[in-house]
Amino acid sequence: MNARIASLQQRGTSPYSSEVYGCEFWYHTACEKVEPKVYEFLCGNEDVKSLQWYCKRCSVTHLTVIKAILSMQAAQRKLEEKMDLVLSTMNDKNLVIDSLHEHAEKSGKDKLL
């Protein structure tokens, strides 16, 4: 729930209404079909940050956002794996190039002697 529940109750309005954390609209719990026991549980646990109540519209929106974030995280992991492979390949190529340079330098010195 939201800290504004307490101020709502102090103003003497219906104890079974609250402000949605996401869209900041006020809803009656009856209209949103929230059981009074659930509402009272949420009110009694306002200090628990992981407990939030969302209206139906915000629930769909938040679920869509969470799915998009998870999809982006998976894509980022794949890109990081590909980058690791590219860096590993580049390091291997650099070792070969360094070895060739050393061999060329050594060969050049041998020819001078």
PDB file of N, CA and C in Angstrom:
ATOM      1  N   MET A   1       0.846  -1.168   0.000  1.00  0.00           N
ATOM      2  CA  MET A   1       0.000   0.000   0.000  1.00  0.00           C
ATOM      3  C   MET A   1       0.888   1.226   0.000  1.00  0.00           C
ATOM      4  N   ASN A   2       0.310   2.309   0.337  1.00  0.00           N
ATOM      5  CA  ASN A   2       0.977   3.577   0.194  1.00  0.00           C
ATOM      6  C   ASN A   2       0.841   4.355   1.492  1.00  0.00           C
ATOM      7  N   ALA A   3       1.783   5.199   1.805  1.00  0.00           N
ATOM      8  CA  ALA A   3       1.732   5.975   3.042  1.00  0.00           C
ATOM      9  C   ALA A   3       0.519   6.901   3.083  1.00  0.00           C
ATOM     10  N   ARG A   4      -0.096   7.153   1.958  1.00  0.00           N
ATOM     11  CA  ARG A   4      -1.238   8.067   1.922  1.00  0.00           C
ATOM     12  C   ARG A   4      -2.508   7.445   2.488  1.00  0.00           C
ATOM     13  N   ILE A   5      -2.502   6.149   2.762  1.00  0.00           N
ATOM     14  CA  ILE A   5      -3.679   5.498   3.344  1.00  0.00           C
ATOM     15  C   ILE A   5      -3.989   6.108   4.702  1.00  0.00           C
ATOM     16  N   ALA A   6      -2.943   6.319   5.503  1.00  0.00           N
ATOM     17  CA  ALA A   6      -3.149   6.871   6.838  1.00  0.00           C
ATOM     18  C   ALA A   6      -3.803   8.246   6.754  1.00  0.00           C
ATOM     19  N   SER A   7      -3.317   9.094   5.858  1.00  0.00           N
ATOM     20  CA  SER A   7      -3.910  10.427   5.756  1.00  0.00           C
ATOM     21  C   SER A   7      -5.334  10.345   5.214  1.00  0.00           C
ATOM     22  N   LEU A   8      -5.603   9.379   4.366  1.00  0.00           N
ATOM     23  CA  LEU A   8      -6.958   9.173   3.853  1.00  0.00           C
ATOM     24  C   LEU A   8      -7.903   8.809   5.001  1.00  0.00           C
ATOM     25  N   GLN A   9      -7.469   7.922   5.863  1.00  0.00           N
ATOM     26  CA  GLN A   9      -8.319   7.518   6.974  1.00  0.00           C
ATOM     27  C   GLN A   9      -8.504   8.672   7.957  1.00  0.00           C
ATOM     28  N   GLN A  10      -7.492   9.491   8.153  1.00  0.00           N
ATOM     29  CA  GLN A  10      -7.607  10.622   9.070  1.00  0.00           C
ATOM     30  C   GLN A  10      -8.588  11.663   8.553  1.00  0.00           C
ATOM     31  N   ARG A  11      -8.757  11.764   7.254  1.00  0.00           N
ATOM     32  CA  ARG A  11      -9.704  12.738   6.698  1.00  0.00           C
ATOM     33  C   ARG A  11     -11.140  12.261   6.833  1.00  0.00           C
ATOM     34  N   GLY A  12     -11.320  11.039   7.277  1.00  0.00           N
ATOM     35  CA  GLY A  12     -12.664  10.544   7.524  1.00  0.00           C
ATOM     36  C   GLY A  12     -13.362   9.994   6.299  1.00  0.00           C
ATOM     37  N   THR A  13     -12.627   9.748   5.218  1.00  0.00           N
ATOM     38  CA  THR A  13     -13.257   9.143   4.050  1.00  0.00           C
ATOM     39  C   THR A  13     -13.347   7.647   4.280  1.00  0.00           C
ATOM     40  N   SER A  14     -13.845   6.935   3.302  1.00  0.00           N
ATOM     41  CA  SER A  14     -14.023   5.492   3.425  1.00  0.00           C
ATOM     42  C   SER A  14     -12.711   4.812   3.783  1.00  0.00           C
ATOM     43  N   PRO A  15     -12.713   3.947   4.793  1.00  0.00           N
ATOM     44  CA  PRO A  15     -11.466   3.268   5.142  1.00  0.00           C
ATOM     45  C   PRO A  15     -11.062   2.222   4.104  1.00  0.00           C
ATOM     46  N   TYR A  16     -11.963   1.949   3.178  1.00  0.00           N
ATOM     47  CA  TYR A  16     -11.659   0.936   2.168  1.00  0.00           C
ATOM     48  C   TYR A  16     -11.416   1.558   0.799  1.00  0.00           C
ATOM     49  N   SER A  17     -10.553   2.544   0.777  1.00  0.00           N
ATOM     50  CA  SER A  17     -10.095   3.104  -0.484  1.00  0.00           C
ATOM     51  C   SER A  17      -8.632   3.451  -0.321  1.00  0.00           C
ATOM     52  N   SER A  18      -7.926   3.465  -1.427  1.00  0.00           N
ATOM     53  CA  SER A  18      -6.503   3.778  -1.347  1.00  0.00           C
ATOM     54  C   SER A  18      -6.015   4.325  -2.671  1.00  0.00           C
ATOM     55  N   GLU A  19      -4.829   4.881  -2.605  1.00  0.00           N
ATOM     56  CA  GLU A  19      -4.193   5.414  -3.793  1.00  0.00           C
ATOM     57  C   GLU A  19      -3.281   4.343  -4.368  1.00  0.00           C
ATOM     58  N   VAL A  20      -3.327   4.172  -5.666  1.00  0.00           N
ATOM     59  CA  VAL A  20      -2.475   3.186  -6.329  1.00  0.00           C
ATOM     60  C   VAL A  20      -1.062   3.745  -6.405  1.00  0.00           C
ATOM     61  N   TYR A  21      -0.093   2.903  -6.062  1.00  0.00           N
ATOM     62  CA  TYR A  21       1.311   3.301  -6.054  1.00  0.00           C
ATOM     63  C   TYR A  21       1.766   3.709  -7.463  1.00  0.00           C
ATOM     64  N   GLY A  22       1.289   3.036  -8.483  1.00  0.00           N
ATOM     65  CA  GLY A  22       1.749   3.292  -9.846  1.00  0.00           C
ATOM     66  C   GLY A  22       1.155   4.530 -10.488  1.00  0.00           C
ATOM     67  N   CYS A  23      -0.170   4.600 -10.583  1.00  0.00           N
ATOM     68  CA  CYS A  23      -0.817   5.689 -11.326  1.00  0.00           C
ATOM     69  C   CYS A  23      -1.302   6.829 -10.438  1.00  0.00           C
ATOM     70  N   GLU A  24      -1.307   6.627  -9.135  1.00  0.00           N
ATOM     71  CA  GLU A  24      -1.715   7.622  -8.147  1.00  0.00           C
ATOM     72  C   GLU A  24      -3.194   7.996  -8.224  1.00  0.00           C
ATOM     73  N   PHE A  25      -4.012   7.129  -8.802  1.00  0.00           N
ATOM     74  CA  PHE A  25      -5.465   7.315  -8.762  1.00  0.00           C
ATOM     75  C   PHE A  25      -5.998   6.664  -7.494  1.00  0.00           C
ATOM     76  N   TRP A  26      -7.119   7.174  -7.018  1.00  0.00           N
ATOM     77  CA  TRP A  26      -7.764   6.597  -5.834  1.00  0.00           C
ATOM     78  C   TRP A  26      -8.828   5.611  -6.279  1.00  0.00           C
ATOM     79  N   TYR A  27      -8.880   4.467  -5.620  1.00  0.00           N
ATOM     80  CA  TYR A  27      -9.854   3.439  -5.941  1.00  0.00           C
ATOM     81  C   TYR A  27     -10.522   2.950  -4.667  1.00  0.00           C
ATOM     82  N   HIS A  28     -11.805   2.604  -4.785  1.00  0.00           N
ATOM     83  CA  HIS A  28     -12.482   1.900  -3.693  1.00  0.00           C
ATOM     84  C   HIS A  28     -12.136   0.424  -3.836  1.00  0.00           C
ATOM     85  N   THR A  29     -11.858  -0.191  -2.715  1.00  0.00           N
ATOM     86  CA  THR A  29     -11.480  -1.605  -2.790  1.00  0.00           C
ATOM     87  C   THR A  29     -12.621  -2.458  -3.330  1.00  0.00           C
ATOM     88  N   ALA A  30     -13.847  -2.065  -3.067  1.00  0.00           N
ATOM     89  CA  ALA A  30     -14.993  -2.827  -3.587  1.00  0.00           C
ATOM     90  C   ALA A  30     -15.015  -2.780  -5.114  1.00  0.00           C
ATOM     91  N   CYS A  31     -14.701  -1.616  -5.675  1.00  0.00           N
ATOM     92  CA  CYS A  31     -14.690  -1.479  -7.136  1.00  0.00           C
ATOM     93  C   CYS A  31     -13.586  -2.326  -7.774  1.00  0.00           C
ATOM     94  N   GLU A  32     -12.490  -2.460  -7.069  1.00  0.00           N
ATOM     95  CA  GLU A  32     -11.358  -3.254  -7.567  1.00  0.00           C
ATOM     96  C   GLU A  32     -11.402  -4.697  -7.066  1.00  0.00           C
ATOM     97  N   LYS A  33     -12.452  -5.029  -6.320  1.00  0.00           N
ATOM     98  CA  LYS A  33     -12.656  -6.378  -5.780  1.00  0.00           C
ATOM     99  C   LYS A  33     -11.502  -6.837  -4.879  1.00  0.00           C
ATOM    100  N   VAL A  34     -11.069  -5.928  -4.008  1.00  0.00           N
ATOM    101  CA  VAL A  34     -10.055  -6.253  -3.010  1.00  0.00           C
ATOM    102  C   VAL A  34     -10.795  -6.571  -1.714  1.00  0.00           C
ATOM    103  N   GLU A  35     -10.563  -7.764  -1.210  1.00  0.00           N
ATOM    104  CA  GLU A  35     -11.234  -8.186   0.028  1.00  0.00           C
ATOM    105  C   GLU A  35     -10.814  -7.285   1.189  1.00  0.00           C
ATOM    106  N   PRO A  36     -11.749  -6.974   2.105  1.00  0.00           N
ATOM    107  CA  PRO A  36     -11.392  -6.143   3.268  1.00  0.00           C
ATOM    108  C   PRO A  36     -10.217  -6.703   4.073  1.00  0.00           C
ATOM    109  N   LYS A  37     -10.132  -8.035   4.208  1.00  0.00           N
ATOM    110  CA  LYS A  37      -9.016  -8.630   4.959  1.00  0.00           C
ATOM    111  C   LYS A  37      -7.674  -8.343   4.265  1.00  0.00           C
ATOM    112  N   VAL A  38      -7.682  -8.407   2.941  1.00  0.00           N
ATOM    113  CA  VAL A  38      -6.458  -8.127   2.189  1.00  0.00           C
ATOM    114  C   VAL A  38      -6.084  -6.664   2.366  1.00  0.00           C
ATOM    115  N   TYR A  39      -7.079  -5.793   2.241  1.00  0.00           N
ATOM    116  CA  TYR A  39      -6.848  -4.358   2.410  1.00  0.00           C
ATOM    117  C   TYR A  39      -6.267  -4.067   3.798  1.00  0.00           C
ATOM    118  N   GLU A  40      -6.858  -4.645   4.822  1.00  0.00           N
ATOM    119  CA  GLU A  40      -6.398  -4.399   6.182  1.00  0.00           C
ATOM    120  C   GLU A  40      -5.002  -4.976   6.408  1.00  0.00           C
ATOM    121  N   PHE A  41      -4.714  -6.116   5.786  1.00  0.00           N
ATOM    122  CA  PHE A  41      -3.366  -6.685   5.873  1.00  0.00           C
ATOM    123  C   PHE A  41      -2.350  -5.718   5.261  1.00  0.00           C
ATOM    124  N   LEU A  42      -2.674  -5.198   4.090  1.00  0.00           N
ATOM    125  CA  LEU A  42      -1.766  -4.267   3.434  1.00  0.00           C
ATOM    126  C   LEU A  42      -1.599  -2.991   4.253  1.00  0.00           C
ATOM    127  N   CYS A  43      -2.704  -2.495   4.814  1.00  0.00           N
ATOM    128  CA  CYS A  43      -2.627  -1.296   5.652  1.00  0.00           C
ATOM    129  C   CYS A  43      -1.763  -1.545   6.889  1.00  0.00           C
ATOM    130  N   GLY A  44      -1.871  -2.717   7.451  1.00  0.00           N
ATOM    131  CA  GLY A  44      -1.103  -3.053   8.643  1.00  0.00           C
ATOM    132  C   GLY A  44       0.366  -3.323   8.370  1.00  0.00           C
ATOM    133  N   ASN A  45       0.719  -3.422   7.101  1.00  0.00           N
ATOM    134  CA  ASN A  45       2.108  -3.707   6.726  1.00  0.00           C
ATOM    135  C   ASN A  45       2.659  -2.663   5.761  1.00  0.00           C
ATOM    136  N   GLU A  46       2.244  -1.411   5.946  1.00  0.00           N
ATOM    137  CA  GLU A  46       2.686  -0.341   5.047  1.00  0.00           C
ATOM    138  C   GLU A  46       4.191  -0.159   5.035  1.00  0.00           C
ATOM    139  N   ASP A  47       4.851  -0.488   6.136  1.00  0.00           N
ATOM    140  CA  ASP A  47       6.289  -0.301   6.217  1.00  0.00           C
ATOM    141  C   ASP A  47       7.071  -1.355   5.430  1.00  0.00           C
ATOM    142  N   VAL A  48       6.398  -2.393   4.959  1.00  0.00           N
ATOM    143  CA  VAL A  48       7.058  -3.424   4.147  1.00  0.00           C
ATOM    144  C   VAL A  48       7.063  -2.943   2.697  1.00  0.00           C
ATOM    145  N   LYS A  49       8.238  -2.547   2.236  1.00  0.00           N
ATOM    146  CA  LYS A  49       8.348  -1.933   0.910  1.00  0.00           C
ATOM    147  C   LYS A  49       7.981  -2.867  -0.235  1.00  0.00           C
ATOM    148  N   SER A  50       8.116  -4.180  -0.025  1.00  0.00           N
ATOM    149  CA  SER A  50       7.830  -5.120  -1.105  1.00  0.00           C
ATOM    150  C   SER A  50       6.327  -5.352  -1.286  1.00  0.00           C
ATOM    151  N   LEU A  51       5.512  -4.860  -0.371  1.00  0.00           N
ATOM    152  CA  LEU A  51       4.055  -4.995  -0.509  1.00  0.00           C
ATOM    153  C   LEU A  51       3.492  -3.736  -1.156  1.00  0.00           C
ATOM    154  N   GLN A  52       2.997  -3.895  -2.342  1.00  0.00           N
ATOM    155  CA  GLN A  52       2.391  -2.790  -3.090  1.00  0.00           C
ATOM    156  C   GLN A  52       1.059  -3.276  -3.643  1.00  0.00           C
ATOM    157  N   TRP A  53       0.117  -2.380  -3.744  1.00  0.00           N
ATOM    158  CA  TRP A  53      -1.152  -2.727  -4.381  1.00  0.00           C
ATOM    159  C   TRP A  53      -1.271  -1.925  -5.652  1.00  0.00           C
ATOM    160  N   TYR A  54      -1.609  -2.605  -6.736  1.00  0.00           N
ATOM    161  CA  TYR A  54      -1.767  -1.954  -8.027  1.00  0.00           C
ATOM    162  C   TYR A  54      -3.172  -2.211  -8.560  1.00  0.00           C
ATOM    163  N   CYS A  55      -3.732  -1.196  -9.221  1.00  0.00           N
ATOM    164  CA  CYS A  55      -5.023  -1.395  -9.876  1.00  0.00           C
ATOM    165  C   CYS A  55      -4.809  -2.346 -11.062  1.00  0.00           C
ATOM    166  N   LYS A  56      -5.889  -2.758 -11.682  1.00  0.00           N
ATOM    167  CA  LYS A  56      -5.783  -3.714 -12.789  1.00  0.00           C
ATOM    168  C   LYS A  56      -4.947  -3.152 -13.941  1.00  0.00           C
ATOM    169  N   ARG A  57      -5.150  -1.874 -14.245  1.00  0.00           N
ATOM    170  CA  ARG A  57      -4.420  -1.259 -15.355  1.00  0.00           C
ATOM    171  C   ARG A  57      -2.916  -1.213 -15.055  1.00  0.00           C
ATOM    172  N   CYS A  58      -2.562  -0.813 -13.834  1.00  0.00           N
ATOM    173  CA  CYS A  58      -1.149  -0.740 -13.461  1.00  0.00           C
ATOM    174  C   CYS A  58      -0.526  -2.130 -13.377  1.00  0.00           C
ATOM    175  N   SER A  59      -1.308  -3.126 -12.955  1.00  0.00           N
ATOM    176  CA  SER A  59      -0.788  -4.492 -12.888  1.00  0.00           C
ATOM    177  C   SER A  59      -0.343  -4.957 -14.268  1.00  0.00           C
ATOM    178  N   VAL A  60      -1.156  -4.701 -15.273  1.00  0.00           N
ATOM    179  CA  VAL A  60      -0.813  -5.097 -16.643  1.00  0.00           C
ATOM    180  C   VAL A  60       0.407  -4.316 -17.113  1.00  0.00           C
ATOM    181  N   THR A  61       0.432  -3.014 -16.849  1.00  0.00           N
ATOM    182  CA  THR A  61       1.558  -2.180 -17.270  1.00  0.00           C
ATOM    183  C   THR A  61       2.848  -2.629 -16.608  1.00  0.00           C
ATOM    184  N   HIS A  62       2.805  -2.857 -15.297  1.00  0.00           N
ATOM    185  CA  HIS A  62       4.006  -3.266 -14.582  1.00  0.00           C
ATOM    186  C   HIS A  62       4.485  -4.644 -15.048  1.00  0.00           C
ATOM    187  N   LEU A  63       3.573  -5.551 -15.314  1.00  0.00           N
ATOM    188  CA  LEU A  63       3.954  -6.871 -15.810  1.00  0.00           C
ATOM    189  C   LEU A  63       4.639  -6.748 -17.172  1.00  0.00           C
ATOM    190  N   THR A  64       4.111  -5.899 -18.028  1.00  0.00           N
ATOM    191  CA  THR A  64       4.710  -5.672 -19.344  1.00  0.00           C
ATOM    192  C   THR A  64       6.123  -5.113 -19.199  1.00  0.00           C
ATOM    193  N   VAL A  65       6.296  -4.161 -18.299  1.00  0.00           N
ATOM    194  CA  VAL A  65       7.617  -3.560 -18.069  1.00  0.00           C
ATOM    195  C   VAL A  65       8.590  -4.604 -17.529  1.00  0.00           C
ATOM    196  N   ILE A  66       8.151  -5.396 -16.573  1.00  0.00           N
ATOM    197  CA  ILE A  66       9.020  -6.425 -15.995  1.00  0.00           C
ATOM    198  C   ILE A  66       9.447  -7.437 -17.061  1.00  0.00           C
ATOM    199  N   LYS A  67       8.502  -7.850 -17.914  1.00  0.00           N
ATOM    200  CA  LYS A  67       8.849  -8.785 -18.995  1.00  0.00           C
ATOM    201  C   LYS A  67       9.868  -8.166 -19.941  1.00  0.00           C
ATOM    202  N   ALA A  68       9.700  -6.880 -20.255  1.00  0.00           N
ATOM    203  CA  ALA A  68      10.647  -6.195 -21.144  1.00  0.00           C
ATOM    204  C   ALA A  68      12.029  -6.125 -20.511  1.00  0.00           C
ATOM    205  N   ILE A  69      12.092  -5.840 -19.220  1.00  0.00           N
ATOM    206  CA  ILE A  69      13.376  -5.775 -18.518  1.00  0.00           C
ATOM    207  C   ILE A  69      14.058  -7.135 -18.528  1.00  0.00           C
ATOM    208  N   LEU A  70      13.302  -8.194 -18.243  1.00  0.00           N
ATOM    209  CA  LEU A  70      13.876  -9.542 -18.252  1.00  0.00           C
ATOM    210  C   LEU A  70      14.394  -9.922 -19.638  1.00  0.00           C
ATOM    211  N   SER A  71      13.659  -9.523 -20.659  1.00  0.00           N
ATOM    212  CA  SER A  71      14.083  -9.801 -22.030  1.00  0.00           C
ATOM    213  C   SER A  71      15.376  -9.050 -22.351  1.00  0.00           C
ATOM    214  N   MET A  72      15.464  -7.790 -21.914  1.00  0.00           N
ATOM    215  CA  MET A  72      16.679  -7.009 -22.152  1.00  0.00           C
ATOM    216  C   MET A  72      17.863  -7.587 -21.389  1.00  0.00           C
ATOM    217  N   GLN A  73      17.625  -8.077 -20.181  1.00  0.00           N
ATOM    218  CA  GLN A  73      18.706  -8.701 -19.413  1.00  0.00           C
ATOM    219  C   GLN A  73      19.236  -9.944 -20.122  1.00  0.00           C
ATOM    220  N   ALA A  74      18.337 -10.752 -20.667  1.00  0.00           N
ATOM    221  CA  ALA A  74      18.752 -11.954 -21.393  1.00  0.00           C
ATOM    222  C   ALA A  74      19.553 -11.570 -22.636  1.00  0.00           C
ATOM    223  N   ALA A  75      19.095 -10.553 -23.357  1.00  0.00           N
ATOM    224  CA  ALA A  75      19.814 -10.100 -24.549  1.00  0.00           C
ATOM    225  C   ALA A  75      21.190  -9.556 -24.171  1.00  0.00           C
ATOM    226  N   GLN A  76      21.262  -8.834 -23.064  1.00  0.00           N
ATOM    227  CA  GLN A  76      22.546  -8.302 -22.616  1.00  0.00           C
ATOM    228  C   GLN A  76      23.513  -9.431 -22.257  1.00  0.00           C
ATOM    229  N   ARG A  77      23.002 -10.461 -21.584  1.00  0.00           N
ATOM    230  CA  ARG A  77      23.855 -11.615 -21.250  1.00  0.00           C
ATOM    231  C   ARG A  77      24.431 -12.248 -22.516  1.00  0.00           C
ATOM    232  N   LYS A  78      23.591 -12.402 -23.544  1.00  0.00           N
ATOM    233  CA  LYS A  78      24.058 -12.991 -24.799  1.00  0.00           C
ATOM    234  C   LYS A  78      25.132 -12.118 -25.443  1.00  0.00           C
ATOM    235  N   LEU A  79      24.908 -10.804 -25.424  1.00  0.00           N
ATOM    236  CA  LEU A  79      25.905  -9.895 -25.999  1.00  0.00           C
ATOM    237  C   LEU A  79      27.223  -9.957 -25.224  1.00  0.00           C
ATOM    238  N   GLU A  80      27.129 -10.043 -23.908  1.00  0.00           N
ATOM    239  CA  GLU A  80      28.343 -10.137 -23.093  1.00  0.00           C
ATOM    240  C   GLU A  80      29.092 -11.429 -23.391  1.00  0.00           C
ATOM    241  N   GLU A  81      28.371 -12.527 -23.602  1.00  0.00           N
ATOM    242  CA  GLU A  81      29.018 -13.788 -23.955  1.00  0.00           C
ATOM    243  C   GLU A  81      29.720 -13.673 -25.301  1.00  0.00           C
ATOM    244  N   LYS A  82      29.065 -13.029 -26.264  1.00  0.00           N
ATOM    245  CA  LYS A  82      29.680 -12.838 -27.579  1.00  0.00           C
ATOM    246  C   LYS A  82      30.916 -11.943 -27.473  1.00  0.00           C
ATOM    247  N   MET A  83      30.828 -10.891 -26.661  1.00  0.00           N
ATOM    248  CA  MET A  83      31.978  -9.995 -26.478  1.00  0.00           C
ATOM    249  C   MET A  83      33.142 -10.743 -25.828  1.00  0.00           C
ATOM    250  N   ASP A  84      32.845 -11.596 -24.855  1.00  0.00           N
ATOM    251  CA  ASP A  84      33.894 -12.394 -24.224  1.00  0.00           C
ATOM    252  C   ASP A  84      34.580 -13.278 -25.257  1.00  0.00           C
ATOM    253  N   LEU A  85      33.800 -13.873 -26.157  1.00  0.00           N
ATOM    254  CA  LEU A  85      34.364 -14.714 -27.209  1.00  0.00           C
ATOM    255  C   LEU A  85      35.230 -13.883 -28.156  1.00  0.00           C
ATOM    256  N   VAL A  86      34.761 -12.715 -28.546  1.00  0.00           N
ATOM    257  CA  VAL A  86      35.533 -11.829 -29.431  1.00  0.00           C
ATOM    258  C   VAL A  86      36.847 -11.428 -28.761  1.00  0.00           C
ATOM    259  N   LEU A  87      36.783 -11.028 -27.485  1.00  0.00           N
ATOM    260  CA  LEU A  87      37.993 -10.631 -26.772  1.00  0.00           C
ATOM    261  C   LEU A  87      38.972 -11.793 -26.636  1.00  0.00           C
ATOM    262  N   SER A  88      38.450 -12.963 -26.369  1.00  0.00           N
ATOM    263  CA  SER A  88      39.307 -14.144 -26.258  1.00  0.00           C
ATOM    264  C   SER A  88      39.991 -14.430 -27.591  1.00  0.00           C
ATOM    265  N   THR A  89      39.248 -14.344 -28.670  1.00  0.00           N
ATOM    266  CA  THR A  89      39.804 -14.569 -30.012  1.00  0.00           C
ATOM    267  C   THR A  89      40.874 -13.527 -30.327  1.00  0.00           C
ATOM    268  N   MET A  90      40.587 -12.266 -29.979  1.00  0.00           N
ATOM    269  CA  MET A  90      41.564 -11.197 -30.222  1.00  0.00           C
ATOM    270  C   MET A  90      42.838 -11.434 -29.416  1.00  0.00           C
ATOM    271  N   ASN A  91      42.694 -11.856 -28.174  1.00  0.00           N
ATOM    272  CA  ASN A  91      43.875 -12.138 -27.344  1.00  0.00           C
ATOM    273  C   ASN A  91      44.693 -13.278 -27.943  1.00  0.00           C
ATOM    274  N   ASP A  92      44.011 -14.306 -28.429  1.00  0.00           N
ATOM    275  CA  ASP A  92      44.714 -15.423 -29.070  1.00  0.00           C
ATOM    276  C   ASP A  92      45.472 -14.941 -30.307  1.00  0.00           C
ATOM    277  N   LYS A  93      44.825 -14.096 -31.113  1.00  0.00           N
ATOM    278  CA  LYS A  93      45.462 -13.568 -32.332  1.00  0.00           C
ATOM    279  C   LYS A  93      46.666 -12.700 -31.964  1.00  0.00           C
ATOM    280  N   ASN A  94      46.526 -11.904 -30.916  1.00  0.00           N
ATOM    281  CA  ASN A  94      47.645 -11.053 -30.483  1.00  0.00           C
ATOM    282  C   ASN A  94      48.837 -11.896 -30.038  1.00  0.00           C
ATOM    283  N   LEU A  95      48.579 -13.025 -29.372  1.00  0.00           N
ATOM    284  CA  LEU A  95      49.675 -13.915 -28.975  1.00  0.00           C
ATOM    285  C   LEU A  95      50.396 -14.460 -30.198  1.00  0.00           C
ATOM    286  N   VAL A  96      49.655 -14.815 -31.230  1.00  0.00           N
ATOM    287  CA  VAL A  96      50.251 -15.320 -32.472  1.00  0.00           C
ATOM    288  C   VAL A  96      51.083 -14.226 -33.127  1.00  0.00           C
ATOM    289  N   ILE A  97      50.535 -13.012 -33.181  1.00  0.00           N
ATOM    290  CA  ILE A  97      51.256 -11.888 -33.793  1.00  0.00           C
ATOM    291  C   ILE A  97      52.537 -11.600 -33.021  1.00  0.00           C
ATOM    292  N   ASP A  98      52.435 -11.576 -31.689  1.00  0.00           N
ATOM    293  CA  ASP A  98      53.638 -11.346 -30.872  1.00  0.00           C
ATOM    294  C   ASP A  98      54.688 -12.419 -31.129  1.00  0.00           C
ATOM    295  N   SER A  99      54.241 -13.662 -31.229  1.00  0.00           N
ATOM    296  CA  SER A  99      55.164 -14.765 -31.489  1.00  0.00           C
ATOM    297  C   SER A  99      55.837 -14.596 -32.849  1.00  0.00           C
ATOM    298  N   LEU A 100      55.074 -14.178 -33.849  1.00  0.00           N
ATOM    299  CA  LEU A 100      55.634 -13.950 -35.185  1.00  0.00           C
ATOM    300  C   LEU A 100      56.641 -12.805 -35.167  1.00  0.00           C
ATOM    301  N   HIS A 101      56.348 -11.738 -34.414  1.00  0.00           N
ATOM    302  CA  HIS A 101      57.288 -10.616 -34.304  1.00  0.00           C
ATOM    303  C   HIS A 101      58.592 -11.071 -33.657  1.00  0.00           C
ATOM    304  N   GLU A 102      58.460 -11.852 -32.595  1.00  0.00           N
ATOM    305  CA  GLU A 102      59.663 -12.355 -31.920  1.00  0.00           C
ATOM    306  C   GLU A 102      60.475 -13.237 -32.859  1.00  0.00           C
ATOM    307  N   HIS A 103      59.784 -14.080 -33.593  1.00  0.00           N
ATOM    308  CA  HIS A 103      60.477 -14.973 -34.537  1.00  0.00           C
ATOM    309  C   HIS A 103      61.162 -14.151 -35.639  1.00  0.00           C
ATOM    310  N   ALA A 104      60.469 -13.124 -36.136  1.00  0.00           N
ATOM    311  CA  ALA A 104      61.048 -12.283 -37.193  1.00  0.00           C
ATOM    312  C   ALA A 104      62.264 -11.529 -36.676  1.00  0.00           C
ATOM    313  N   GLU A 105      62.198 -11.015 -35.461  1.00  0.00           N
ATOM    314  CA  GLU A 105      63.335 -10.304 -34.879  1.00  0.00           C
ATOM    315  C   GLU A 105      64.522 -11.260 -34.706  1.00  0.00           C
ATOM    316  N   LYS A 106      64.235 -12.446 -34.235  1.00  0.00           N
ATOM    317  CA  LYS A 106      65.288 -13.436 -34.015  1.00  0.00           C
ATOM    318  C   LYS A 106      65.915 -13.849 -35.347  1.00  0.00           C
ATOM    319  N   SER A 107      65.062 -14.046 -36.340  1.00  0.00           N
ATOM    320  CA  SER A 107      65.572 -14.423 -37.672  1.00  0.00           C
ATOM    321  C   SER A 107      66.430 -13.325 -38.262  1.00  0.00           C
ATOM    322  N   GLY A 108      66.030 -12.092 -38.064  1.00  0.00           N
ATOM    323  CA  GLY A 108      66.788 -10.956 -38.587  1.00  0.00           C
ATOM    324  C   GLY A 108      68.135 -10.858 -37.924  1.00  0.00           C
ATOM    325  N   LYS A 109      68.244 -11.095 -36.650  1.00  0.00           N
ATOM    326  CA  LYS A 109      69.508 -11.052 -35.930  1.00  0.00           C
ATOM    327  C   LYS A 109      70.394 -12.202 -36.356  1.00  0.00           C
ATOM    328  N   ASP A 110      69.836 -13.386 -36.599  1.00  0.00           N
ATOM    329  CA  ASP A 110      70.622 -14.547 -37.022  1.00  0.00           C
ATOM    330  C   ASP A 110      71.266 -14.285 -38.390  1.00  0.00           C
ATOM    331  N   LYS A 111      70.543 -13.578 -39.285  1.00  0.00           N
ATOM    332  CA  LYS A 111      71.063 -13.312 -40.619  1.00  0.00           C
ATOM    333  C   LYS A 111      72.218 -12.316 -40.550  1.00  0.00           C
ATOM    334  N   LEU A 112      72.172 -11.413 -39.556  1.00  0.00           N
ATOM    335  CA  LEU A 112      73.252 -10.424 -39.421  1.00  0.00           C
ATOM    336  C   LEU A 112      74.544 -11.068 -38.934  1.00  0.00           C
ATOM    337  N   LEU A 113      74.472 -12.136 -38.198  1.00  0.00           N
ATOM    338  CA  LEU A 113      75.666 -12.798 -37.670  1.00  0.00           C
ATOM    339  C   LEU A 113      76.262 -13.621 -38.731  1.00  0.00           C
TER     340      LEU A 113
END
